[in-house]
Protein backbone atom coordinates (compact mmCIF):
# COMPACT_ATOMS: atom_id res chain seq x y z
CA MET A 1 119.49 85.84 106.21
CA GLU A 2 118.25 87.88 103.25
CA GLU A 3 114.66 87.52 102.15
CA PRO A 4 114.62 85.76 98.78
CA MET A 5 112.81 87.09 95.74
CA LYS A 6 111.55 85.08 92.80
CA GLN A 7 112.28 85.52 89.12
CA GLY A 8 110.49 82.81 87.23
CA ASP A 9 110.73 79.61 89.25
CA GLU A 10 114.04 80.45 90.95
CA GLU A 11 114.63 82.15 94.27
CA GLN A 12 117.23 84.88 94.37
CA PRO A 13 118.64 86.98 97.22
CA ARG A 14 117.07 90.31 98.12
CA SER A 15 120.43 92.09 97.86
CA ILE A 16 123.99 91.55 96.68
CA ARG A 17 126.88 92.95 98.71
CA LEU A 18 129.97 94.29 96.95
CA THR A 19 133.23 94.28 98.90
CA ASP A 20 135.81 93.77 96.14
CA PRO A 21 137.20 97.21 95.20
CA ARG A 22 137.29 96.14 91.55
CA ALA A 23 133.56 95.37 91.69
CA LEU A 24 132.86 98.66 93.47
CA ARG A 25 134.73 100.63 90.83
CA ALA A 26 133.09 98.68 88.00
CA TYR A 27 129.59 99.32 89.31
CA ALA A 28 130.26 103.07 89.71
CA HIS A 29 130.01 103.52 85.93
CA PRO A 30 126.75 105.42 85.20
CA THR A 31 125.72 103.20 82.29
CA ARG A 32 126.17 100.07 84.40
CA MET A 33 124.14 101.49 87.27
CA THR A 34 121.44 102.42 84.77
CA LEU A 35 121.42 98.93 83.23
CA VAL A 36 121.13 97.21 86.60
CA GLY A 37 118.29 99.53 87.59
CA LEU A 38 116.45 98.87 84.34
CA LEU A 39 116.88 95.10 84.67
CA ARG A 40 115.48 95.22 88.19
CA ARG A 41 112.44 97.15 87.06
CA SER A 42 111.86 95.87 83.53
CA GLY A 43 114.05 92.81 82.93
CA PRO A 44 114.91 90.34 81.68
CA PHE A 45 115.91 91.85 78.33
CA THR A 46 118.59 91.59 75.66
CA ALA A 47 121.43 93.95 74.83
CA THR A 48 119.37 95.19 71.88
CA ARG A 49 116.53 96.17 74.18
CA ALA A 50 119.05 97.69 76.60
CA ALA A 51 120.32 99.87 73.77
CA GLU A 52 116.79 101.04 73.01
CA LEU A 53 116.19 101.93 76.66
CA THR A 54 119.50 103.69 77.30
CA GLY A 55 120.38 105.26 73.96
CA GLU A 56 123.72 103.43 74.01
CA SER A 57 124.89 101.16 71.20
CA VAL A 58 124.20 97.43 71.32
CA ALA A 59 127.95 96.75 71.46
CA SER A 60 128.35 99.12 74.40
CA CYS A 61 125.46 97.53 76.31
CA SER A 62 126.81 94.04 75.63
CA TYR A 63 130.20 95.08 77.01
CA HIS A 64 128.76 96.65 80.16
CA LEU A 65 126.46 93.69 80.78
CA ARG A 66 129.43 91.32 80.60
CA ILE A 67 131.33 93.46 83.13
CA LEU A 68 128.31 93.42 85.44
CA ALA A 69 128.05 89.65 85.08
CA LYS A 70 131.72 89.30 85.96
CA TYR A 71 130.98 90.79 89.38
CA GLY A 72 127.70 88.96 89.96
CA LEU A 73 125.30 91.85 89.45
CA VAL A 74 123.57 90.38 86.39
CA GLU A 75 123.34 86.97 84.80
CA VAL A 76 122.06 85.33 81.65
CA ALA A 77 118.35 84.57 81.97
CA PRO A 78 116.75 81.36 80.67
CA GLY A 79 114.55 81.36 77.60
CA GLY A 80 116.82 83.03 75.08
CA ARG A 81 116.34 82.41 71.38
CA GLY A 82 118.85 82.80 68.60
CA ARG A 83 122.20 84.49 69.09
CA GLU A 84 121.06 87.19 71.52
CA LYS A 85 120.65 86.21 75.12
CA PRO A 86 118.43 87.91 77.69
CA TRP A 87 119.95 89.25 80.90
CA ARG A 88 118.47 89.65 84.35
CA ALA A 89 119.51 91.23 87.64
CA THR A 90 120.72 88.83 90.32
CA ALA A 91 119.08 90.73 93.21
CA ARG A 92 116.72 93.61 93.91
CA TYR A 93 119.26 95.77 95.74
CA THR A 94 123.01 96.41 95.86
CA ASP A 95 124.79 96.89 99.18
CA TRP A 96 128.39 97.93 99.94
CA PRO A 97 130.42 98.91 103.02
CA GLY A 98 129.84 102.32 104.55
CA ASP A 99 133.34 102.09 106.00
CA SER A 100 136.30 99.74 105.81
CA GLU A 101 139.70 99.39 107.45
CA ASP A 102 141.04 98.54 103.99
CA ALA A 103 141.84 101.92 102.44
CA THR A 104 141.37 100.57 98.90
CA VAL A 105 137.89 99.28 99.70
CA ALA A 106 136.96 102.49 101.56
CA GLU A 107 138.08 104.66 98.63
CA ALA A 108 136.21 102.57 96.06
CA ALA A 109 133.08 102.47 98.25
CA ASP A 110 133.12 106.25 98.70
CA ALA A 111 133.51 106.73 94.94
CA LEU A 112 130.52 104.44 94.32
CA SER A 113 128.43 106.29 96.90
CA SER A 114 129.25 109.59 95.19
CA ALA A 115 128.33 108.19 91.77
CA VAL A 116 125.04 106.83 93.10
CA ALA A 117 124.22 110.16 94.77
CA GLU A 118 124.82 111.99 91.47
CA GLN A 119 122.48 109.60 89.69
CA TYR A 120 119.84 109.96 92.40
CA PHE A 121 119.73 113.72 92.07
CA GLU A 122 119.72 113.62 88.28
CA ARG A 123 116.62 111.44 88.51
CA VAL A 124 115.01 113.79 91.04
CA LEU A 125 115.62 116.78 88.76
CA ARG A 126 114.08 114.92 85.81
CA ALA A 127 111.06 114.09 87.97
CA MET A 128 110.71 117.73 88.96
CA GLU A 129 110.77 118.83 85.32
CA ASP A 130 107.70 116.71 84.53
CA ARG A 131 105.96 117.14 87.87
CA HIS A 132 103.47 119.69 86.55
CA ARG A 133 101.97 116.99 84.33
CA LEU A 134 100.99 114.75 87.27
CA PRO A 135 97.46 114.57 88.67
CA ARG A 136 96.99 116.83 91.69
CA LYS A 137 96.62 113.88 94.07
CA TRP A 138 100.09 112.62 93.15
CA ARG A 139 101.65 116.09 93.40
CA GLU A 140 100.24 116.46 96.90
CA ALA A 141 101.41 112.99 97.92
CA GLU A 142 105.01 113.37 96.76
CA MET A 143 107.55 114.26 99.42
CA PHE A 144 110.28 116.89 99.13
CA GLY A 145 111.78 117.98 102.42
CA ASP A 146 114.39 117.39 105.07
CA SER A 147 114.71 117.10 108.85
CA LEU A 148 117.57 118.07 111.14
CA LEU A 149 117.86 115.54 113.97
CA TYR A 150 120.39 115.26 116.79
CA LEU A 151 121.27 111.56 116.91
CA THR A 152 124.03 109.26 118.10
CA PRO A 153 125.55 106.85 115.54
CA ASP A 154 123.61 103.97 117.14
CA GLU A 155 120.35 105.93 116.94
CA LEU A 156 120.97 106.78 113.28
CA ALA A 157 121.63 103.12 112.47
CA ALA A 158 118.47 102.10 114.35
CA LEU A 159 116.45 104.70 112.47
CA GLY A 160 117.66 103.24 109.18
CA ARG A 161 116.54 99.77 110.25
CA ARG A 162 113.10 101.11 111.20
CA VAL A 163 112.71 102.78 107.81
CA ASP A 164 113.68 99.49 106.12
CA GLU A 165 111.00 97.71 108.18
CA LEU A 166 108.37 100.25 107.11
CA LEU A 167 109.20 99.77 103.42
CA ARG A 168 109.62 95.99 103.43
CA PRO A 169 105.88 95.10 103.20
CA TYR A 170 105.61 96.95 99.87
CA GLU A 171 108.61 95.33 98.16
CA GLY A 172 106.81 92.23 96.91
CA ARG A 173 104.60 94.36 94.69
CA GLU A 174 107.51 95.02 92.33
CA SER A 175 107.71 91.43 91.13
CA ASP A 176 104.07 90.40 91.72
CA ALA A 177 101.51 92.68 90.08
CA SER A 178 98.66 90.82 91.80
CA LEU A 179 99.76 92.38 95.10
CA ARG A 180 99.34 95.95 93.83
CA PRO A 181 96.11 97.72 94.80
CA GLU A 182 94.21 99.64 92.17
CA GLY A 183 95.93 102.94 91.42
CA ALA A 184 99.38 101.81 92.58
CA ARG A 185 102.24 103.27 90.54
CA PRO A 186 106.05 102.94 90.80
CA VAL A 187 107.44 105.34 93.41
CA SER A 188 111.16 105.81 94.10
CA VAL A 189 111.94 106.43 97.77
CA LEU A 190 115.40 107.86 98.47
CA ARG A 191 116.96 107.38 101.91
CA ILE A 192 119.88 109.68 102.60
CA ALA A 193 121.11 110.65 106.06
CA TYR A 194 124.48 112.28 106.70
CA LEU A 195 126.34 114.11 109.44
CA ASP A 196 125.62 117.80 108.76
CA ARG A 197 128.91 119.68 108.62
CA GLU A 198 127.25 123.04 107.93
CA ILE A 199 125.99 123.63 111.49
CA PRO A 200 128.54 126.01 113.08
CA ASP A 201 130.55 124.70 116.06
CA GLU A 202 128.73 121.34 116.12
CA VAL A 203 131.09 118.80 114.52
CA PRO A 204 134.54 120.37 113.98
CA GLU A 205 136.22 117.85 116.28
CA LEU A 206 134.98 114.95 114.11
CA LEU A 207 136.39 116.56 111.00
CA ASP A 208 139.76 116.85 112.74
CA GLY A 209 139.99 113.07 113.00
CA ASP A 210 138.21 112.21 116.25
CA SER A 211 136.43 108.99 115.27
CA GLU A 212 134.64 108.53 118.63
CA GLY A 213 135.61 104.87 118.49
């Protein structure tokens, strides 16, 4: 069971899982991914505020928010006044299949993963551009590096679960400022692990279609 999070007086799931290929393709749009991310960090807000934050038009933001609502990623928040309604994210995280026997789902999931990866690295590059302006303590604390590990699929999956467990105690600070110690600032932690195909003679048989079960 997913750990619930609170927005206002309502409990909402920690993550939403997308399995419909139409939802996967819809979410892969960069503006929609940006809107969901902003709502999770700074919502609820209206389409007008979304336009200010993204540089898109109000009409464009309204359209993308309605598409996101269609697939359960956002919803109308209570407390709206006048004609414009505020929107909020329905969960803190989005999850989707890493693999599927349904070729349509697998293709859409891979396309979404690629779109998310592109957005990740665009954000990293922007962070690097402004990094020289950070206090020295933050520059020294930031992490940029990689590790080459020889793992089985089961070990890699277990490693991912352990990383999730390490991060989980800090998640509540996002929605509850009283839990943040003095000096705490928002930090994005990227978790990317992939089978390295650039090591000579190590994985050619997998690329030839040997799935290892």
